[in-house]
PDB file of all heavy atoms in Angstrom:
ATOM      1  N   HIS A   1       0.870  -1.197   0.018  1.00  0.00           N
ATOM      2  CA  HIS A   1       0.030  -0.027   0.014  1.00  0.00           C
ATOM      3  C   HIS A   1       0.870   1.194   0.028  1.00  0.00           C
ATOM      4  O   HIS A   1       1.948   1.244   0.645  1.00  0.00           O
ATOM      5  CB  HIS A   1      -0.885  -0.003   1.209  1.00  0.00           C
ATOM      6  CG  HIS A   1      -2.032   1.067   1.176  1.00  0.00           C
ATOM      7  ND1 HIS A   1      -1.856   2.325   1.452  1.00  0.00           N
ATOM      8  CD2 HIS A   1      -3.321   0.905   0.791  1.00  0.00           C
ATOM      9  CE1 HIS A   1      -2.949   3.041   1.328  1.00  0.00           C
ATOM     10  NE2 HIS A   1      -3.866   2.207   0.881  1.00  0.00           N
ATOM     11  N   LYS A   2       0.457   2.299  -0.693  1.00  0.00           N
ATOM     12  CA  LYS A   2       1.307   3.490  -0.823  1.00  0.00           C
ATOM     13  C   LYS A   2       1.635   4.085   0.544  1.00  0.00           C
ATOM     14  O   LYS A   2       2.751   4.703   0.678  1.00  0.00           O
ATOM     15  CB  LYS A   2       0.677   4.535  -1.685  1.00  0.00           C
ATOM     16  CG  LYS A   2      -0.627   5.107  -1.152  1.00  0.00           C
ATOM     17  CD  LYS A   2      -1.254   6.145  -2.046  1.00  0.00           C
ATOM     18  CE  LYS A   2      -2.479   6.759  -1.407  1.00  0.00           C
ATOM     19  NZ  LYS A   2      -3.008   7.823  -2.239  1.00  0.00           N
ATOM     20  N   ASP A   3       0.810   3.954   1.505  1.00  0.00           N
ATOM     21  CA  ASP A   3       1.116   4.483   2.833  1.00  0.00           C
ATOM     22  C   ASP A   3       2.189   3.767   3.645  1.00  0.00           C
ATOM     23  O   ASP A   3       2.671   4.201   4.661  1.00  0.00           O
ATOM     24  CB  ASP A   3      -0.182   4.473   3.742  1.00  0.00           C
ATOM     25  CG  ASP A   3      -1.260   5.422   3.179  1.00  0.00           C
ATOM     26  OD1 ASP A   3      -0.905   6.333   2.393  1.00  0.00           O
ATOM     27  OD2 ASP A   3      -2.431   5.207   3.459  1.00  0.00           O
ATOM     28  N   GLN A   4       2.612   2.622   3.110  1.00  0.00           N
ATOM     29  CA  GLN A   4       3.657   1.804   3.816  1.00  0.00           C
ATOM     30  C   GLN A   4       5.093   2.131   3.340  1.00  0.00           C
ATOM     31  O   GLN A   4       6.031   1.730   3.962  1.00  0.00           O
ATOM     32  CB  GLN A   4       3.400   0.313   3.456  1.00  0.00           C
ATOM     33  CG  GLN A   4       2.128  -0.245   4.059  1.00  0.00           C
ATOM     34  CD  GLN A   4       1.895  -1.689   3.583  1.00  0.00           C
ATOM     35  OE1 GLN A   4       2.259  -2.039   2.471  1.00  0.00           O
ATOM     36  NE2 GLN A   4       1.347  -2.513   4.443  1.00  0.00           N
ATOM     37  N   VAL A   5       5.227   2.971   2.296  1.00  0.00           N
ATOM     38  CA  VAL A   5       6.529   3.230   1.672  1.00  0.00           C
ATOM     39  C   VAL A   5       7.494   3.886   2.695  1.00  0.00           C
ATOM     40  O   VAL A   5       8.564   3.267   3.028  1.00  0.00           O
ATOM     41  CB  VAL A   5       6.374   4.067   0.425  1.00  0.00           C
ATOM     42  CG1 VAL A   5       7.774   4.457  -0.104  1.00  0.00           C
ATOM     43  CG2 VAL A   5       5.637   3.372  -0.677  1.00  0.00           C
ATOM     44  N   VAL A   6       7.153   4.997   3.213  1.00  0.00           N
ATOM     45  CA  VAL A   6       8.072   5.748   4.121  1.00  0.00           C
ATOM     46  C   VAL A   6       8.342   4.876   5.400  1.00  0.00           C
ATOM     47  O   VAL A   6       9.527   4.718   5.757  1.00  0.00           O
ATOM     48  CB  VAL A   6       7.550   7.116   4.439  1.00  0.00           C
ATOM     49  CG1 VAL A   6       8.400   7.770   5.514  1.00  0.00           C
ATOM     50  CG2 VAL A   6       7.557   7.986   3.156  1.00  0.00           C
ATOM     51  N   PRO A   7       7.314   4.360   6.096  1.00  0.00           N
ATOM     52  CA  PRO A   7       7.606   3.606   7.274  1.00  0.00           C
ATOM     53  C   PRO A   7       8.472   2.332   7.030  1.00  0.00           C
ATOM     54  O   PRO A   7       9.352   2.019   7.871  1.00  0.00           O
ATOM     55  CB  PRO A   7       6.239   3.175   7.829  1.00  0.00           C
ATOM     56  CG  PRO A   7       5.228   4.117   7.159  1.00  0.00           C
ATOM     57  CD  PRO A   7       5.835   4.514   5.886  1.00  0.00           C
ATOM     58  N   THR A   8       8.287   1.696   5.887  1.00  0.00           N
ATOM     59  CA  THR A   8       9.039   0.520   5.591  1.00  0.00           C
ATOM     60  C   THR A   8      10.501   0.861   5.300  1.00  0.00           C
ATOM     61  O   THR A   8      11.390   0.156   5.788  1.00  0.00           O
ATOM     62  CB  THR A   8       8.404  -0.219   4.380  1.00  0.00           C
ATOM     63  OG1 THR A   8       7.036  -0.542   4.735  1.00  0.00           O
ATOM     64  CG2 THR A   8       9.168  -1.479   4.099  1.00  0.00           C
ATOM     65  N   VAL A   9      10.721   1.925   4.592  1.00  0.00           N
ATOM     66  CA  VAL A   9      12.081   2.396   4.283  1.00  0.00           C
ATOM     67  C   VAL A   9      12.800   2.769   5.590  1.00  0.00           C
ATOM     68  O   VAL A   9      13.940   2.367   5.805  1.00  0.00           O
ATOM     69  CB  VAL A   9      12.145   3.470   3.257  1.00  0.00           C
ATOM     70  CG1 VAL A   9      13.558   4.063   3.127  1.00  0.00           C
ATOM     71  CG2 VAL A   9      11.650   2.959   1.891  1.00  0.00           C
ATOM     72  N   LEU A  10      12.120   3.497   6.469  1.00  0.00           N
ATOM     73  CA  LEU A  10      12.716   3.825   7.757  1.00  0.00           C
ATOM     74  C   LEU A  10      13.012   2.643   8.612  1.00  0.00           C
ATOM     75  O   LEU A  10      14.000   2.569   9.267  1.00  0.00           O
ATOM     76  CB  LEU A  10      11.775   4.828   8.444  1.00  0.00           C
ATOM     77  CG  LEU A  10      11.596   6.258   7.840  1.00  0.00           C
ATOM     78  CD1 LEU A  10      10.584   7.049   8.605  1.00  0.00           C
ATOM     79  CD2 LEU A  10      12.939   6.947   7.847  1.00  0.00           C
ATOM     80  N   LYS A  11      12.105   1.696   8.603  1.00  0.00           N
ATOM     81  CA  LYS A  11      12.294   0.415   9.361  1.00  0.00           C
ATOM     82  C   LYS A  11      13.574  -0.258   8.823  1.00  0.00           C
ATOM     83  O   LYS A  11      14.358  -0.835   9.639  1.00  0.00           O
ATOM     84  CB  LYS A  11      11.057  -0.462   9.183  1.00  0.00           C
ATOM     85  CG  LYS A  11      11.096  -1.739   9.995  1.00  0.00           C
ATOM     86  CD  LYS A  11       9.783  -2.503   9.841  1.00  0.00           C
ATOM     87  CE  LYS A  11       9.763  -3.722  10.685  1.00  0.00           C
ATOM     88  NZ  LYS A  11       8.426  -4.437  10.550  1.00  0.00           N
ATOM     89  N   SER A  12      13.718  -0.294   7.511  1.00  0.00           N
ATOM     90  CA  SER A  12      14.919  -0.921   6.936  1.00  0.00           C
ATOM     91  C   SER A  12      16.191  -0.225   7.382  1.00  0.00           C
ATOM     92  O   SER A  12      17.206  -0.828   7.741  1.00  0.00           O
ATOM     93  CB  SER A  12      14.820  -0.872   5.443  1.00  0.00           C
ATOM     94  OG  SER A  12      16.002  -1.191   4.812  1.00  0.00           O
ATOM     95  N   ILE A  13      16.163   1.114   7.323  1.00  0.00           N
ATOM     96  CA  ILE A  13      17.374   1.858   7.735  1.00  0.00           C
ATOM     97  C   ILE A  13      17.676   1.630   9.210  1.00  0.00           C
ATOM     98  O   ILE A  13      18.842   1.436   9.598  1.00  0.00           O
ATOM     99  CB  ILE A  13      17.125   3.374   7.455  1.00  0.00           C
ATOM    100  CG1 ILE A  13      17.130   3.557   5.889  1.00  0.00           C
ATOM    101  CG2 ILE A  13      18.300   4.214   8.046  1.00  0.00           C
ATOM    102  CD1 ILE A  13      16.574   4.947   5.520  1.00  0.00           C
ATOM    103  N   LYS A  14      16.681   1.639  10.080  1.00  0.00           N
ATOM    104  CA  LYS A  14      16.865   1.478  11.497  1.00  0.00           C
ATOM    105  C   LYS A  14      17.376   0.083  11.841  1.00  0.00           C
ATOM    106  O   LYS A  14      18.010  -0.092  12.865  1.00  0.00           O
ATOM    107  CB  LYS A  14      15.552   1.751  12.260  1.00  0.00           C
ATOM    108  CG  LYS A  14      15.227   3.213  12.310  1.00  0.00           C
ATOM    109  CD  LYS A  14      13.932   3.491  13.059  1.00  0.00           C
ATOM    110  CE  LYS A  14      13.497   4.968  12.910  1.00  0.00           C
ATOM    111  NZ  LYS A  14      12.226   5.204  13.482  1.00  0.00           N
ATOM    112  N   SER A  15      17.083  -0.922  11.042  1.00  0.00           N
ATOM    113  CA  SER A  15      17.463  -2.256  11.308  1.00  0.00           C
ATOM    114  C   SER A  15      18.973  -2.483  11.235  1.00  0.00           C
ATOM    115  O   SER A  15      19.489  -3.422  11.826  1.00  0.00           O
ATOM    116  CB  SER A  15      16.739  -3.247  10.396  1.00  0.00           C
ATOM    117  OG  SER A  15      17.350  -3.268   9.122  1.00  0.00           O
ATOM    118  N   LYS A  16      19.638  -1.672  10.462  1.00  0.00           N
ATOM    119  CA  LYS A  16      21.096  -1.759  10.274  1.00  0.00           C
ATOM    120  C   LYS A  16      21.480  -3.151   9.756  1.00  0.00           C
ATOM    121  O   LYS A  16      22.625  -3.628  10.054  1.00  0.00           O
ATOM    122  CB  LYS A  16      21.849  -1.394  11.529  1.00  0.00           C
ATOM    123  CG  LYS A  16      21.579   0.053  11.920  1.00  0.00           C
ATOM    124  CD  LYS A  16      22.476   0.476  13.101  1.00  0.00           C
ATOM    125  CE  LYS A  16      22.098   1.959  13.413  1.00  0.00           C
ATOM    126  NZ  LYS A  16      22.974   2.551  14.331  1.00  0.00           N
ATOM    127  N   ARG A  17      20.615  -3.805   9.041  1.00  0.00           N
ATOM    128  CA  ARG A  17      20.853  -5.091   8.388  1.00  0.00           C
ATOM    129  C   ARG A  17      20.615  -4.991   6.882  1.00  0.00           C
ATOM    130  O   ARG A  17      19.832  -4.112   6.463  1.00  0.00           O
ATOM    131  CB  ARG A  17      19.914  -6.154   8.944  1.00  0.00           C
ATOM    132  CG  ARG A  17      20.104  -6.464  10.392  1.00  0.00           C
ATOM    133  CD  ARG A  17      19.135  -7.404  10.939  1.00  0.00           C
ATOM    134  NE  ARG A  17      19.120  -8.666  10.197  1.00  0.00           N
ATOM    135  CZ  ARG A  17      18.110  -9.574  10.212  1.00  0.00           C
ATOM    136  NH1 ARG A  17      17.008  -9.273  10.892  1.00  0.00           N
ATOM    137  NH2 ARG A  17      18.188 -10.653   9.550  1.00  0.00           N
ATOM    138  N   PRO A  18      21.304  -5.766   6.140  1.00  0.00           N
ATOM    139  CA  PRO A  18      21.040  -5.787   4.635  1.00  0.00           C
ATOM    140  C   PRO A  18      19.525  -6.166   4.501  1.00  0.00           C
ATOM    141  O   PRO A  18      19.021  -7.131   5.079  1.00  0.00           O
ATOM    142  CB  PRO A  18      21.931  -6.905   4.102  1.00  0.00           C
ATOM    143  CG  PRO A  18      22.973  -7.086   5.087  1.00  0.00           C
ATOM    144  CD  PRO A  18      22.343  -6.719   6.472  1.00  0.00           C
ATOM    145  N   THR A  19      18.814  -5.409   3.672  1.00  0.00           N
ATOM    146  CA  THR A  19      17.354  -5.576   3.556  1.00  0.00           C
ATOM    147  C   THR A  19      16.972  -5.486   2.110  1.00  0.00           C
ATOM    148  O   THR A  19      17.454  -4.668   1.311  1.00  0.00           O
ATOM    149  CB  THR A  19      16.633  -4.480   4.318  1.00  0.00           C
ATOM    150  OG1 THR A  19      17.071  -4.438   5.692  1.00  0.00           O
ATOM    151  CG2 THR A  19      15.152  -4.576   4.298  1.00  0.00           C
ATOM    152  N   ILE A  20      15.994  -6.362   1.792  1.00  0.00           N
ATOM    153  CA  ILE A  20      15.328  -6.261   0.411  1.00  0.00           C
ATOM    154  C   ILE A  20      13.854  -5.852   0.758  1.00  0.00           C
ATOM    155  O   ILE A  20      13.237  -6.468   1.574  1.00  0.00           O
ATOM    156  CB  ILE A  20      15.309  -7.626  -0.315  1.00  0.00           C
ATOM    157  CG1 ILE A  20      16.762  -8.018  -0.693  1.00  0.00           C
ATOM    158  CG2 ILE A  20      14.417  -7.520  -1.538  1.00  0.00           C
ATOM    159  CD1 ILE A  20      16.895  -9.342  -1.390  1.00  0.00           C
ATOM    160  N   ILE A  21      13.460  -4.825   0.094  1.00  0.00           N
ATOM    161  CA  ILE A  21      12.013  -4.384   0.185  1.00  0.00           C
ATOM    162  C   ILE A  21      11.372  -4.725  -1.106  1.00  0.00           C
ATOM    163  O   ILE A  21      11.725  -4.217  -2.203  1.00  0.00           O
ATOM    164  CB  ILE A  21      11.927  -2.876   0.492  1.00  0.00           C
ATOM    165  CG1 ILE A  21      12.600  -2.498   1.773  1.00  0.00           C
ATOM    166  CG2 ILE A  21      10.422  -2.483   0.504  1.00  0.00           C
ATOM    167  CD1 ILE A  21      12.651  -1.010   2.066  1.00  0.00           C
ATOM    168  N   ASP A  22      10.378  -5.614  -1.091  1.00  0.00           N
ATOM    169  CA  ASP A  22       9.618  -5.991  -2.224  1.00  0.00           C
ATOM    170  C   ASP A  22       8.449  -5.010  -2.321  1.00  0.00           C
ATOM    171  O   ASP A  22       7.481  -5.059  -1.543  1.00  0.00           O
ATOM    172  CB  ASP A  22       9.069  -7.423  -2.069  1.00  0.00           C
ATOM    173  CG  ASP A  22       8.209  -7.903  -3.257  1.00  0.00           C
ATOM    174  OD1 ASP A  22       8.126  -7.148  -4.250  1.00  0.00           O
ATOM    175  OD2 ASP A  22       7.710  -9.011  -3.152  1.00  0.00           O
ATOM    176  N   CYS A  23       8.503  -4.116  -3.284  1.00  0.00           N
ATOM    177  CA  CYS A  23       7.485  -3.063  -3.549  1.00  0.00           C
ATOM    178  C   CYS A  23       6.566  -3.636  -4.616  1.00  0.00           C
ATOM    179  O   CYS A  23       6.808  -3.534  -5.799  1.00  0.00           O
ATOM    180  CB  CYS A  23       8.139  -1.801  -3.996  1.00  0.00           C
ATOM    181  SG  CYS A  23       7.121  -0.414  -4.071  1.00  0.00           S
ATOM    182  N   ASP A  24       5.465  -4.228  -4.163  1.00  0.00           N
ATOM    183  CA  ASP A  24       4.505  -4.935  -5.071  1.00  0.00           C
ATOM    184  C   ASP A  24       3.595  -3.921  -5.742  1.00  0.00           C
ATOM    185  O   ASP A  24       2.557  -3.550  -5.171  1.00  0.00           O
ATOM    186  CB  ASP A  24       3.716  -5.964  -4.248  1.00  0.00           C
ATOM    187  CG  ASP A  24       2.881  -6.819  -5.108  1.00  0.00           C
ATOM    188  OD1 ASP A  24       2.425  -6.457  -6.184  1.00  0.00           O
ATOM    189  OD2 ASP A  24       2.740  -8.064  -4.694  1.00  0.00           O
ATOM    190  N   ILE A  25       4.003  -3.495  -6.918  1.00  0.00           N
ATOM    191  CA  ILE A  25       3.284  -2.442  -7.624  1.00  0.00           C
ATOM    192  C   ILE A  25       1.835  -2.738  -7.879  1.00  0.00           C
ATOM    193  O   ILE A  25       0.980  -1.903  -7.708  1.00  0.00           O
ATOM    194  CB  ILE A  25       4.010  -2.088  -8.986  1.00  0.00           C
ATOM    195  CG1 ILE A  25       5.425  -1.615  -8.704  1.00  0.00           C
ATOM    196  CG2 ILE A  25       3.206  -1.186  -9.784  1.00  0.00           C
ATOM    197  CD1 ILE A  25       5.458  -0.314  -7.874  1.00  0.00           C
ATOM    198  N   GLU A  26       1.539  -3.970  -8.260  1.00  0.00           N
ATOM    199  CA  GLU A  26       0.170  -4.350  -8.603  1.00  0.00           C
ATOM    200  C   GLU A  26      -0.750  -4.222  -7.351  1.00  0.00           C
ATOM    201  O   GLU A  26      -1.850  -3.680  -7.378  1.00  0.00           O
ATOM    202  CB  GLU A  26       0.077  -5.695  -9.215  1.00  0.00           C
ATOM    203  CG  GLU A  26       0.681  -5.738 -10.540  1.00  0.00           C
ATOM    204  CD  GLU A  26       0.205  -6.837 -11.433  1.00  0.00           C
ATOM    205  OE1 GLU A  26      -0.632  -7.643 -11.028  1.00  0.00           O
ATOM    206  OE2 GLU A  26       0.681  -6.855 -12.583  1.00  0.00           O
ATOM    207  N   LYS A  27      -0.312  -4.670  -6.184  1.00  0.00           N
ATOM    208  CA  LYS A  27      -1.052  -4.575  -5.001  1.00  0.00           C
ATOM    209  C   LYS A  27      -1.154  -3.135  -4.480  1.00  0.00           C
ATOM    210  O   LYS A  27      -2.212  -2.737  -3.981  1.00  0.00           O
ATOM    211  CB  LYS A  27      -0.453  -5.489  -3.916  1.00  0.00           C
ATOM    212  CG  LYS A  27      -0.751  -6.969  -4.104  1.00  0.00           C
ATOM    213  CD  LYS A  27      -0.198  -7.782  -2.997  1.00  0.00           C
ATOM    214  CE  LYS A  27      -0.500  -9.247  -3.339  1.00  0.00           C
ATOM    215  NZ  LYS A  27       0.109 -10.146  -2.362  1.00  0.00           N
ATOM    216  N   ILE A  28      -0.115  -2.373  -4.669  1.00  0.00           N
ATOM    217  CA  ILE A  28      -0.173  -0.983  -4.276  1.00  0.00           C
ATOM    218  C   ILE A  28      -1.251  -0.220  -5.115  1.00  0.00           C
ATOM    219  O   ILE A  28      -2.073   0.563  -4.569  1.00  0.00           O
ATOM    220  CB  ILE A  28       1.183  -0.287  -4.503  1.00  0.00           C
ATOM    221  CG1 ILE A  28       2.183  -0.793  -3.381  1.00  0.00           C
ATOM    222  CG2 ILE A  28       1.120   1.246  -4.368  1.00  0.00           C
ATOM    223  CD1 ILE A  28       3.634  -0.372  -3.626  1.00  0.00           C
ATOM    224  N   ILE A  29      -1.269  -0.456  -6.365  1.00  0.00           N
ATOM    225  CA  ILE A  29      -2.235   0.239  -7.254  1.00  0.00           C
ATOM    226  C   ILE A  29      -3.644  -0.161  -6.861  1.00  0.00           C
ATOM    227  O   ILE A  29      -4.532   0.647  -6.672  1.00  0.00           O
ATOM    228  CB  ILE A  29      -1.992  -0.145  -8.733  1.00  0.00           C
ATOM    229  CG1 ILE A  29      -0.677   0.630  -9.183  1.00  0.00           C
ATOM    230  CG2 ILE A  29      -3.165   0.237  -9.611  1.00  0.00           C
ATOM    231  CD1 ILE A  29      -0.183   0.231 -10.567  1.00  0.00           C
ATOM    232  N   LYS A  30      -3.901  -1.497  -6.608  1.00  0.00           N
ATOM    233  CA  LYS A  30      -5.222  -1.963  -6.247  1.00  0.00           C
ATOM    234  C   LYS A  30      -5.699  -1.503  -4.867  1.00  0.00           C
ATOM    235  O   LYS A  30      -6.746  -0.989  -4.653  1.00  0.00           O
ATOM    236  CB  LYS A  30      -5.271  -3.522  -6.269  1.00  0.00           C
ATOM    237  CG  LYS A  30      -5.230  -4.060  -7.662  1.00  0.00           C
ATOM    238  CD  LYS A  30      -5.236  -5.577  -7.695  1.00  0.00           C
ATOM    239  CE  LYS A  30      -5.045  -6.056  -9.112  1.00  0.00           C
ATOM    240  NZ  LYS A  30      -4.906  -7.569  -9.094  1.00  0.00           N
TER     241      LYS A  30
END
């Protein structure tokens, strides 16, 4: 969901671990 972008990126940065964020475009649009 579009509202998850910023919190998820911040969560990734705060984790201080290598992270893959799967940005599911089709689900975001729907």
